[in-house]
PDB file of N, CA and C in Angstrom:
ATOM      1  N   MET A   1     -43.260  23.644  84.029  1.00  0.00           N
ATOM      2  CA  MET A   1     -43.040  22.230  84.263  1.00  0.00           C
ATOM      3  C   MET A   1     -43.277  21.484  82.955  1.00  0.00           C
ATOM      4  N   LYS A   2     -42.388  20.610  82.652  1.00  0.00           N
ATOM      5  CA  LYS A   2     -42.514  19.772  81.469  1.00  0.00           C
ATOM      6  C   LYS A   2     -43.575  18.707  81.696  1.00  0.00           C
ATOM      7  N   THR A   3     -44.328  18.402  80.660  1.00  0.00           N
ATOM      8  CA  THR A   3     -45.322  17.336  80.784  1.00  0.00           C
ATOM      9  C   THR A   3     -44.722  16.020  80.326  1.00  0.00           C
ATOM     10  N   ALA A   4     -45.359  14.950  80.750  1.00  0.00           N
ATOM     11  CA  ALA A   4     -44.936  13.607  80.362  1.00  0.00           C
ATOM     12  C   ALA A   4     -46.143  12.891  79.781  1.00  0.00           C
ATOM     13  N   THR A   5     -45.909  11.773  79.160  1.00  0.00           N
ATOM     14  CA  THR A   5     -47.016  11.009  78.585  1.00  0.00           C
ATOM     15  C   THR A   5     -47.042   9.609  79.183  1.00  0.00           C
ATOM     16  N   PHE A   6     -48.223   9.005  79.127  1.00  0.00           N
ATOM     17  CA  PHE A   6     -48.375   7.611  79.509  1.00  0.00           C
ATOM     18  C   PHE A   6     -48.202   6.762  78.257  1.00  0.00           C
ATOM     19  N   PRO A   7     -47.805   5.526  78.425  1.00  0.00           N
ATOM     20  CA  PRO A   7     -47.699   4.653  77.250  1.00  0.00           C
ATOM     21  C   PRO A   7     -49.090   4.447  76.639  1.00  0.00           C
ATOM     22  N   PRO A   8     -49.135   4.134  75.355  1.00  0.00           N
ATOM     23  CA  PRO A   8     -50.437   3.863  74.728  1.00  0.00           C
ATOM     24  C   PRO A   8     -51.165   2.760  75.489  1.00  0.00           C
ATOM     25  N   LEU A   9     -52.444   2.884  75.551  1.00  0.00           N
ATOM     26  CA  LEU A   9     -53.262   1.935  76.306  1.00  0.00           C
ATOM     27  C   LEU A   9     -54.126   1.136  75.334  1.00  0.00           C
ATOM     28  N   ARG A  10     -53.932  -0.149  75.294  1.00  0.00           N
ATOM     29  CA  ARG A  10     -54.721  -1.006  74.411  1.00  0.00           C
ATOM     30  C   ARG A  10     -55.888  -1.587  75.202  1.00  0.00           C
ATOM     31  N   VAL A  11     -57.094  -1.394  74.660  1.00  0.00           N
ATOM     32  CA  VAL A  11     -58.307  -1.897  75.313  1.00  0.00           C
ATOM     33  C   VAL A  11     -59.215  -2.521  74.272  1.00  0.00           C
ATOM     34  N   ASP A  12     -60.175  -3.287  74.752  1.00  0.00           N
ATOM     35  CA  ASP A  12     -61.188  -3.844  73.863  1.00  0.00           C
ATOM     36  C   ASP A  12     -62.010  -2.710  73.256  1.00  0.00           C
ATOM     37  N   PRO A  13     -62.463  -2.870  72.041  1.00  0.00           N
ATOM     38  CA  PRO A  13     -63.287  -1.832  71.419  1.00  0.00           C
ATOM     39  C   PRO A  13     -64.539  -1.503  72.242  1.00  0.00           C
ATOM     40  N   GLU A  14     -65.083  -2.508  72.929  1.00  0.00           N
ATOM     41  CA  GLU A  14     -66.280  -2.286  73.746  1.00  0.00           C
ATOM     42  C   GLU A  14     -65.985  -1.330  74.909  1.00  0.00           C
ATOM     43  N   LEU A  15     -64.805  -1.482  75.526  1.00  0.00           N
ATOM     44  CA  LEU A  15     -64.446  -0.600  76.635  1.00  0.00           C
ATOM     45  C   LEU A  15     -64.238   0.822  76.128  1.00  0.00           C
ATOM     46  N   ARG A  16     -63.582   0.966  75.001  1.00  0.00           N
ATOM     47  CA  ARG A  16     -63.376   2.309  74.437  1.00  0.00           C
ATOM     48  C   ARG A  16     -64.728   2.965  74.142  1.00  0.00           C
ATOM     49  N   GLU A  17     -65.629   2.217  73.523  1.00  0.00           N
ATOM     50  CA  GLU A  17     -66.949   2.768  73.204  1.00  0.00           C
ATOM     51  C   GLU A  17     -67.705   3.152  74.475  1.00  0.00           C
ATOM     52  N   ALA A  18     -67.621   2.300  75.495  1.00  0.00           N
ATOM     53  CA  ALA A  18     -68.295   2.601  76.760  1.00  0.00           C
ATOM     54  C   ALA A  18     -67.728   3.873  77.378  1.00  0.00           C
ATOM     55  N   ALA A  19     -66.414   4.027  77.331  1.00  0.00           N
ATOM     56  CA  ALA A  19     -65.781   5.235  77.875  1.00  0.00           C
ATOM     57  C   ALA A  19     -66.210   6.466  77.082  1.00  0.00           C
ATOM     58  N   GLU A  20     -66.220   6.363  75.771  1.00  0.00           N
ATOM     59  CA  GLU A  20     -66.638   7.497  74.936  1.00  0.00           C
ATOM     60  C   GLU A  20     -68.088   7.877  75.202  1.00  0.00           C
ATOM     61  N   ASN A  21     -68.916   6.893  75.520  1.00  0.00           N
ATOM     62  CA  ASN A  21     -70.339   7.153  75.755  1.00  0.00           C
ATOM     63  C   ASN A  21     -70.609   7.881  77.072  1.00  0.00           C
ATOM     64  N   VAL A  22     -69.663   7.864  77.990  1.00  0.00           N
ATOM     65  CA  VAL A  22     -69.893   8.530  79.278  1.00  0.00           C
ATOM     66  C   VAL A  22     -69.131   9.844  79.407  1.00  0.00           C
ATOM     67  N   LEU A  23     -68.468  10.269  78.364  1.00  0.00           N
ATOM     68  CA  LEU A  23     -67.743  11.537  78.418  1.00  0.00           C
ATOM     69  C   LEU A  23     -68.718  12.700  78.569  1.00  0.00           C
ATOM     70  N   SER A  24     -68.313  13.703  79.338  1.00  0.00           N
ATOM     71  CA  SER A  24     -69.101  14.923  79.468  1.00  0.00           C
ATOM     72  C   SER A  24     -68.904  15.771  78.220  1.00  0.00           C
ATOM     73  N   ASP A  25     -69.775  16.749  78.029  1.00  0.00           N
ATOM     74  CA  ASP A  25     -69.637  17.650  76.883  1.00  0.00           C
ATOM     75  C   ASP A  25     -68.270  18.314  76.905  1.00  0.00           C
ATOM     76  N   GLY A  26     -67.565  18.238  75.802  1.00  0.00           N
ATOM     77  CA  GLY A  26     -66.254  18.865  75.684  1.00  0.00           C
ATOM     78  C   GLY A  26     -65.114  18.074  76.307  1.00  0.00           C
ATOM     79  N   GLU A  27     -65.415  16.985  76.978  1.00  0.00           N
ATOM     80  CA  GLU A  27     -64.372  16.173  77.617  1.00  0.00           C
ATOM     81  C   GLU A  27     -63.747  15.237  76.591  1.00  0.00           C
ATOM     82  N   THR A  28     -62.437  15.118  76.650  1.00  0.00           N
ATOM     83  CA  THR A  28     -61.741  14.215  75.734  1.00  0.00           C
ATOM     84  C   THR A  28     -61.469  12.889  76.423  1.00  0.00           C
ATOM     85  N   LEU A  29     -61.217  11.887  75.601  1.00  0.00           N
ATOM     86  CA  LEU A  29     -60.868  10.585  76.143  1.00  0.00           C
ATOM     87  C   LEU A  29     -59.561  10.674  76.927  1.00  0.00           C
ATOM     88  N   SER A  30     -58.632  11.505  76.456  1.00  0.00           N
ATOM     89  CA  SER A  30     -57.361  11.698  77.167  1.00  0.00           C
ATOM     90  C   SER A  30     -57.591  12.301  78.551  1.00  0.00           C
ATOM     91  N   LYS A  31     -58.459  13.307  78.634  1.00  0.00           N
ATOM     92  CA  LYS A  31     -58.749  13.936  79.932  1.00  0.00           C
ATOM     93  C   LYS A  31     -59.431  12.927  80.860  1.00  0.00           C
ATOM     94  N   PHE A  32     -60.350  12.148  80.315  1.00  0.00           N
ATOM     95  CA  PHE A  32     -61.030  11.120  81.096  1.00  0.00           C
ATOM     96  C   PHE A  32     -60.023  10.125  81.670  1.00  0.00           C
ATOM     97  N   ALA A  33     -59.101   9.665  80.825  1.00  0.00           N
ATOM     98  CA  ALA A  33     -58.093   8.703  81.272  1.00  0.00           C
ATOM     99  C   ALA A  33     -57.187   9.334  82.325  1.00  0.00           C
ATOM    100  N   GLU A  34     -56.793  10.596  82.119  1.00  0.00           N
ATOM    101  CA  GLU A  34     -55.948  11.272  83.111  1.00  0.00           C
ATOM    102  C   GLU A  34     -56.650  11.372  84.462  1.00  0.00           C
ATOM    103  N   GLN A  35     -57.926  11.741  84.447  1.00  0.00           N
ATOM    104  CA  GLN A  35     -58.681  11.850  85.700  1.00  0.00           C
ATOM    105  C   GLN A  35     -58.811  10.489  86.385  1.00  0.00           C
ATOM    106  N   ALA A  36     -59.017   9.436  85.606  1.00  0.00           N
ATOM    107  CA  ALA A  36     -59.122   8.093  86.176  1.00  0.00           C
ATOM    108  C   ALA A  36     -57.805   7.672  86.817  1.00  0.00           C
ATOM    109  N   ILE A  37     -56.702   7.959  86.143  1.00  0.00           N
ATOM    110  CA  ILE A  37     -55.388   7.618  86.699  1.00  0.00           C
ATOM    111  C   ILE A  37     -55.130   8.419  87.963  1.00  0.00           C
ATOM    112  N   ARG A  38     -55.440   9.721  87.912  1.00  0.00           N
ATOM    113  CA  ARG A  38     -55.234  10.591  89.081  1.00  0.00           C
ATOM    114  C   ARG A  38     -56.044  10.076  90.277  1.00  0.00           C
ATOM    115  N   TYR A  39     -57.306   9.701  90.033  1.00  0.00           N
ATOM    116  CA  TYR A  39     -58.169   9.184  91.099  1.00  0.00           C
ATOM    117  C   TYR A  39     -57.575   7.915  91.707  1.00  0.00           C
ATOM    118  N   GLN A  40     -57.124   6.996  90.877  1.00  0.00           N
ATOM    119  CA  GLN A  40     -56.568   5.740  91.378  1.00  0.00           C
ATOM    120  C   GLN A  40     -55.273   5.963  92.151  1.00  0.00           C
ATOM    121  N   VAL A  41     -54.446   6.891  91.686  1.00  0.00           N
ATOM    122  CA  VAL A  41     -53.211   7.208  92.419  1.00  0.00           C
ATOM    123  C   VAL A  41     -53.560   7.736  93.804  1.00  0.00           C
ATOM    124  N   GLU A  42     -54.507   8.692  93.877  1.00  0.00           N
ATOM    125  CA  GLU A  42     -54.903   9.257  95.170  1.00  0.00           C
ATOM    126  C   GLU A  42     -55.506   8.193  96.080  1.00  0.00           C
ATOM    127  N   ARG A  43     -56.345   7.327  95.517  1.00  0.00           N
ATOM    128  CA  ARG A  43     -56.986   6.270  96.311  1.00  0.00           C
ATOM    129  C   ARG A  43     -55.951   5.301  96.861  1.00  0.00           C
ATOM    130  N   ARG A  44     -55.000   4.923  96.035  1.00  0.00           N
ATOM    131  CA  ARG A  44     -53.975   3.977  96.495  1.00  0.00           C
ATOM    132  C   ARG A  44     -53.032   4.619  97.506  1.00  0.00           C
ATOM    133  N   GLN A  45     -52.751   5.901  97.353  1.00  0.00           N
ATOM    134  CA  GLN A  45     -51.932   6.594  98.354  1.00  0.00           C
ATOM    135  C   GLN A  45     -52.671   6.651  99.689  1.00  0.00           C
ATOM    136  N   ALA A  46     -53.964   6.941  99.642  1.00  0.00           N
ATOM    137  CA  ALA A  46     -54.765   6.980 100.873  1.00  0.00           C
ATOM    138  C   ALA A  46     -54.817   5.594 101.516  1.00  0.00           C
ATOM    139  N   GLU A  47     -54.958   4.569 100.701  1.00  0.00           N
ATOM    140  CA  GLU A  47     -54.988   3.199 101.223  1.00  0.00           C
ATOM    141  C   GLU A  47     -53.655   2.836 101.882  1.00  0.00           C
ATOM    142  N   ALA A  48     -52.553   3.211 101.235  1.00  0.00           N
ATOM    143  CA  ALA A  48     -51.235   2.915 101.803  1.00  0.00           C
ATOM    144  C   ALA A  48     -51.039   3.654 103.125  1.00  0.00           C
ATOM    145  N   ALA A  49     -51.498   4.903 103.192  1.00  0.00           N
ATOM    146  CA  ALA A  49     -51.386   5.669 104.437  1.00  0.00           C
ATOM    147  C   ALA A  49     -52.237   5.030 105.531  1.00  0.00           C
ATOM    148  N   PHE A  50     -53.434   4.556 105.175  1.00  0.00           N
ATOM    149  CA  PHE A  50     -54.313   3.895 106.132  1.00  0.00           C
ATOM    150  C   PHE A  50     -53.648   2.650 106.706  1.00  0.00           C
ATOM    151  N   VAL A  51     -53.070   1.843 105.828  1.00  0.00           N
ATOM    152  CA  VAL A  51     -52.392   0.621 106.270  1.00  0.00           C
ATOM    153  C   VAL A  51     -51.203   0.974 107.167  1.00  0.00           C
ATOM    154  N   ALA A  52     -50.442   2.001 106.778  1.00  0.00           N
ATOM    155  CA  ALA A  52     -49.284   2.414 107.583  1.00  0.00           C
ATOM    156  C   ALA A  52     -49.722   2.860 108.978  1.00  0.00           C
ATOM    157  N   ARG A  53     -50.838   3.619 109.051  1.00  0.00           N
ATOM    158  CA  ARG A  53     -51.340   4.048 110.371  1.00  0.00           C
ATOM    159  C   ARG A  53     -51.772   2.843 111.193  1.00  0.00           C
ATOM    160  N   GLY A  54     -52.410   1.876 110.549  1.00  0.00           N
ATOM    161  CA  GLY A  54     -52.842   0.677 111.259  1.00  0.00           C
ATOM    162  C   GLY A  54     -51.668  -0.125 111.787  1.00  0.00           C
ATOM    163  N   LEU A  55     -50.635  -0.276 110.980  1.00  0.00           N
ATOM    164  CA  LEU A  55     -49.450  -1.016 111.419  1.00  0.00           C
ATOM    165  C   LEU A  55     -48.731  -0.281 112.548  1.00  0.00           C
ATOM    166  N   ALA A  56     -48.668   1.047 112.445  1.00  0.00           N
ATOM    167  CA  ALA A  56     -48.026   1.824 113.509  1.00  0.00           C
ATOM    168  C   ALA A  56     -48.820   1.703 114.805  1.00  0.00           C
ATOM    169  N   SER A  57     -50.141   1.709 114.689  1.00  0.00           N
ATOM    170  CA  SER A  57     -50.987   1.551 115.872  1.00  0.00           C
ATOM    171  C   SER A  57     -50.781   0.175 116.496  1.00  0.00           C
ATOM    172  N   ARG A  58     -50.712  -0.831 115.661  1.00  0.00           N
ATOM    173  CA  ARG A  58     -50.453  -2.187 116.151  1.00  0.00           C
ATOM    174  C   ARG A  58     -49.125  -2.252 116.888  1.00  0.00           C
ATOM    175  N   ASP A  59     -48.093  -1.646 116.291  1.00  0.00           N
ATOM    176  CA  ASP A  59     -46.768  -1.663 116.905  1.00  0.00           C
ATOM    177  C   ASP A  59     -46.763  -0.942 118.253  1.00  0.00           C
ATOM    178  N   ARG A  60     -47.491   0.200 118.325  1.00  0.00           N
ATOM    179  CA  ARG A  60     -47.583   0.918 119.609  1.00  0.00           C
ATOM    180  C   ARG A  60     -48.285   0.067 120.664  1.00  0.00           C
ATOM    181  N   ALA A  61     -49.336  -0.617 120.245  1.00  0.00           N
ATOM    182  CA  ALA A  61     -50.065  -1.463 121.186  1.00  0.00           C
ATOM    183  C   ALA A  61     -49.176  -2.599 121.688  1.00  0.00           C
ATOM    184  N   ILE A  62     -48.395  -3.172 120.793  1.00  0.00           N
ATOM    185  CA  ILE A  62     -47.484  -4.252 121.198  1.00  0.00           C
ATOM    186  C   ILE A  62     -46.438  -3.726 122.178  1.00  0.00           C
ATOM    187  N   GLU A  63     -45.884  -2.544 121.869  1.00  0.00           N
ATOM    188  CA  GLU A  63     -44.845  -1.971 122.736  1.00  0.00           C
ATOM    189  C   GLU A  63     -45.380  -1.576 124.111  1.00  0.00           C
ATOM    190  N   THR A  64     -46.577  -0.993 124.135  1.00  0.00           N
ATOM    191  CA  THR A  64     -47.109  -0.473 125.397  1.00  0.00           C
ATOM    192  C   THR A  64     -47.979  -1.483 126.131  1.00  0.00           C
ATOM    193  N   GLY A  65     -48.481  -2.473 125.410  1.00  0.00           N
ATOM    194  CA  GLY A  65     -49.403  -3.425 126.016  1.00  0.00           C
ATOM    195  C   GLY A  65     -50.789  -2.840 126.218  1.00  0.00           C
ATOM    196  N   MET A  66     -51.038  -1.652 125.643  1.00  0.00           N
ATOM    197  CA  MET A  66     -52.347  -1.000 125.792  1.00  0.00           C
ATOM    198  C   MET A  66     -53.178  -1.266 124.540  1.00  0.00           C
ATOM    199  N   TYR A  67     -54.276  -1.965 124.728  1.00  0.00           N
ATOM    200  CA  TYR A  67     -55.147  -2.320 123.625  1.00  0.00           C
ATOM    201  C   TYR A  67     -56.548  -1.786 123.901  1.00  0.00           C
ATOM    202  N   VAL A  68     -57.320  -1.587 122.847  1.00  0.00           N
ATOM    203  CA  VAL A  68     -58.726  -1.211 122.959  1.00  0.00           C
ATOM    204  C   VAL A  68     -59.522  -2.391 122.428  1.00  0.00           C
ATOM    205  N   SER A  69     -60.508  -2.823 123.199  1.00  0.00           N
ATOM    206  CA  SER A  69     -61.275  -3.998 122.781  1.00  0.00           C
ATOM    207  C   SER A  69     -62.176  -3.651 121.596  1.00  0.00           C
ATOM    208  N   ALA A  70     -62.490  -4.664 120.825  1.00  0.00           N
ATOM    209  CA  ALA A  70     -63.377  -4.478 119.677  1.00  0.00           C
ATOM    210  C   ALA A  70     -64.744  -3.981 120.135  1.00  0.00           C
ATOM    211  N   ASP A  71     -65.217  -4.458 121.281  1.00  0.00           N
ATOM    212  CA  ASP A  71     -66.508  -4.000 121.799  1.00  0.00           C
ATOM    213  C   ASP A  71     -66.493  -2.504 122.082  1.00  0.00           C
ATOM    214  N   ASP A  72     -65.402  -2.001 122.666  1.00  0.00           N
ATOM    215  CA  ASP A  72     -65.302  -0.567 122.947  1.00  0.00           C
ATOM    216  C   ASP A  72     -65.282   0.253 121.651  1.00  0.00           C
ATOM    217  N   VAL A  73     -64.573  -0.236 120.670  1.00  0.00           N
ATOM    218  CA  VAL A  73     -64.522   0.467 119.381  1.00  0.00           C
ATOM    219  C   VAL A  73     -65.907   0.498 118.746  1.00  0.00           C
ATOM    220  N   LEU A  74     -66.598  -0.629 118.751  1.00  0.00           N
ATOM    221  CA  LEU A  74     -67.936  -0.682 118.160  1.00  0.00           C
ATOM    222  C   LEU A  74     -68.912   0.230 118.890  1.00  0.00           C
ATOM    223  N   LYS A  75     -68.812   0.287 120.210  1.00  0.00           N
ATOM    224  CA  LYS A  75     -69.688   1.185 120.973  1.00  0.00           C
ATOM    225  C   LYS A  75     -69.454   2.634 120.568  1.00  0.00           C
ATOM    226  N   LYS A  76     -68.183   3.023 120.435  1.00  0.00           N
ATOM    227  CA  LYS A  76     -67.859   4.392 120.022  1.00  0.00           C
ATOM    228  C   LYS A  76     -68.365   4.679 118.610  1.00  0.00           C
ATOM    229  N   MET A  77     -68.291   3.678 117.737  1.00  0.00           N
ATOM    230  CA  MET A  77     -68.774   3.864 116.368  1.00  0.00           C
ATOM    231  C   MET A  77     -70.294   4.033 116.338  1.00  0.00           C
ATOM    232  N   VAL A  78     -70.999   3.290 117.161  1.00  0.00           N
ATOM    233  CA  VAL A  78     -72.460   3.413 117.224  1.00  0.00           C
ATOM    234  C   VAL A  78     -72.833   4.802 117.728  1.00  0.00           C
ATOM    235  N   ILE A  79     -72.131   5.283 118.738  1.00  0.00           N
ATOM    236  CA  ILE A  79     -72.395   6.623 119.268  1.00  0.00           C
ATOM    237  C   ILE A  79     -72.143   7.679 118.193  1.00  0.00           C
ATOM    238  N   ALA A  80     -71.030   7.558 117.474  1.00  0.00           N
ATOM    239  CA  ALA A  80     -70.700   8.520 116.422  1.00  0.00           C
ATOM    240  C   ALA A  80     -71.750   8.485 115.311  1.00  0.00           C
ATOM    241  N   ARG A  81     -72.199   7.289 114.936  1.00  0.00           N
ATOM    242  CA  ARG A  81     -73.227   7.164 113.902  1.00  0.00           C
ATOM    243  C   ARG A  81     -74.527   7.801 114.357  1.00  0.00           C
ATOM    244  N   THR A  82     -74.917   7.557 115.595  1.00  0.00           N
ATOM    245  CA  THR A  82     -76.153   8.120 116.133  1.00  0.00           C
ATOM    246  C   THR A  82     -76.089   9.645 116.130  1.00  0.00           C
ATOM    247  N   LYS A  83     -74.958  10.209 116.558  1.00  0.00           N
ATOM    248  CA  LYS A  83     -74.798  11.665 116.551  1.00  0.00           C
ATOM    249  C   LYS A  83     -74.876  12.211 115.135  1.00  0.00           C
ATOM    250  N   ALA A  84     -74.257  11.534 114.187  1.00  0.00           N
ATOM    251  CA  ALA A  84     -74.277  11.992 112.797  1.00  0.00           C
ATOM    252  C   ALA A  84     -75.692  11.948 112.242  1.00  0.00           C
ATOM    253  N   ARG A  85     -76.415  10.890 112.543  1.00  0.00           N
ATOM    254  CA  ARG A  85     -77.810  10.790 112.079  1.00  0.00           C
ATOM    255  C   ARG A  85     -78.675  11.877 112.695  1.00  0.00           C
ATOM    256  N   ASN A  86     -78.456  12.171 113.962  1.00  0.00           N
ATOM    257  CA  ASN A  86     -79.227  13.214 114.637  1.00  0.00           C
ATOM    258  C   ASN A  86     -78.945  14.578 114.007  1.00  0.00           C
ATOM    259  N   ARG A  87     -77.674  14.826 113.681  1.00  0.00           N
ATOM    260  CA  ARG A  87     -77.327  16.105 113.029  1.00  0.00           C
ATOM    261  C   ARG A  87     -77.992  16.195 111.656  1.00  0.00           C
ATOM    262  N   LYS A  88     -78.023  15.087 110.951  1.00  0.00           N
ATOM    263  CA  LYS A  88     -78.588  15.054 109.603  1.00  0.00           C
ATOM    264  C   LYS A  88     -80.088  15.310 109.636  1.00  0.00           C
ATOM    265  N   THR A  89     -80.802  14.766 110.617  1.00  0.00           N
ATOM    266  CA  THR A  89     -82.250  14.926 110.685  1.00  0.00           C
ATOM    267  C   THR A  89     -82.630  16.336 111.136  1.00  0.00           C
ATOM    268  N   ARG A  90     -81.728  17.043 111.796  1.00  0.00           N
ATOM    269  CA  ARG A  90     -82.022  18.413 112.248  1.00  0.00           C
ATOM    270  C   ARG A  90     -81.876  19.425 111.117  1.00  0.00           C
ATOM    271  N   THR A  91     -81.176  19.082 110.062  1.00  0.00           N
ATOM    272  CA  THR A  91     -80.941  20.056 108.991  1.00  0.00           C
ATOM    273  C   THR A  91     -82.019  20.015 107.941  1.00  0.00           C
TER     274      THR A  91
END
């Protein structure tokens, strides 16, 4: 697979210095920037998928007239949190 490049990135000298100061041993600024871009792409894709699922759920609720109340959702979340905390304290 052929590689591609990103356009040059102009930043304040302070930001460049801050980035250089947090690099791991042997890590390059280019690798750091690539990882940051990769992370943001994945995060934004996940966010877009989340929004799409929410809109699809809304559309299904409108079509079917079947809704779940906020109180019911919150109750289920409290139960799930309690179970997770109980599992955590047992380990």
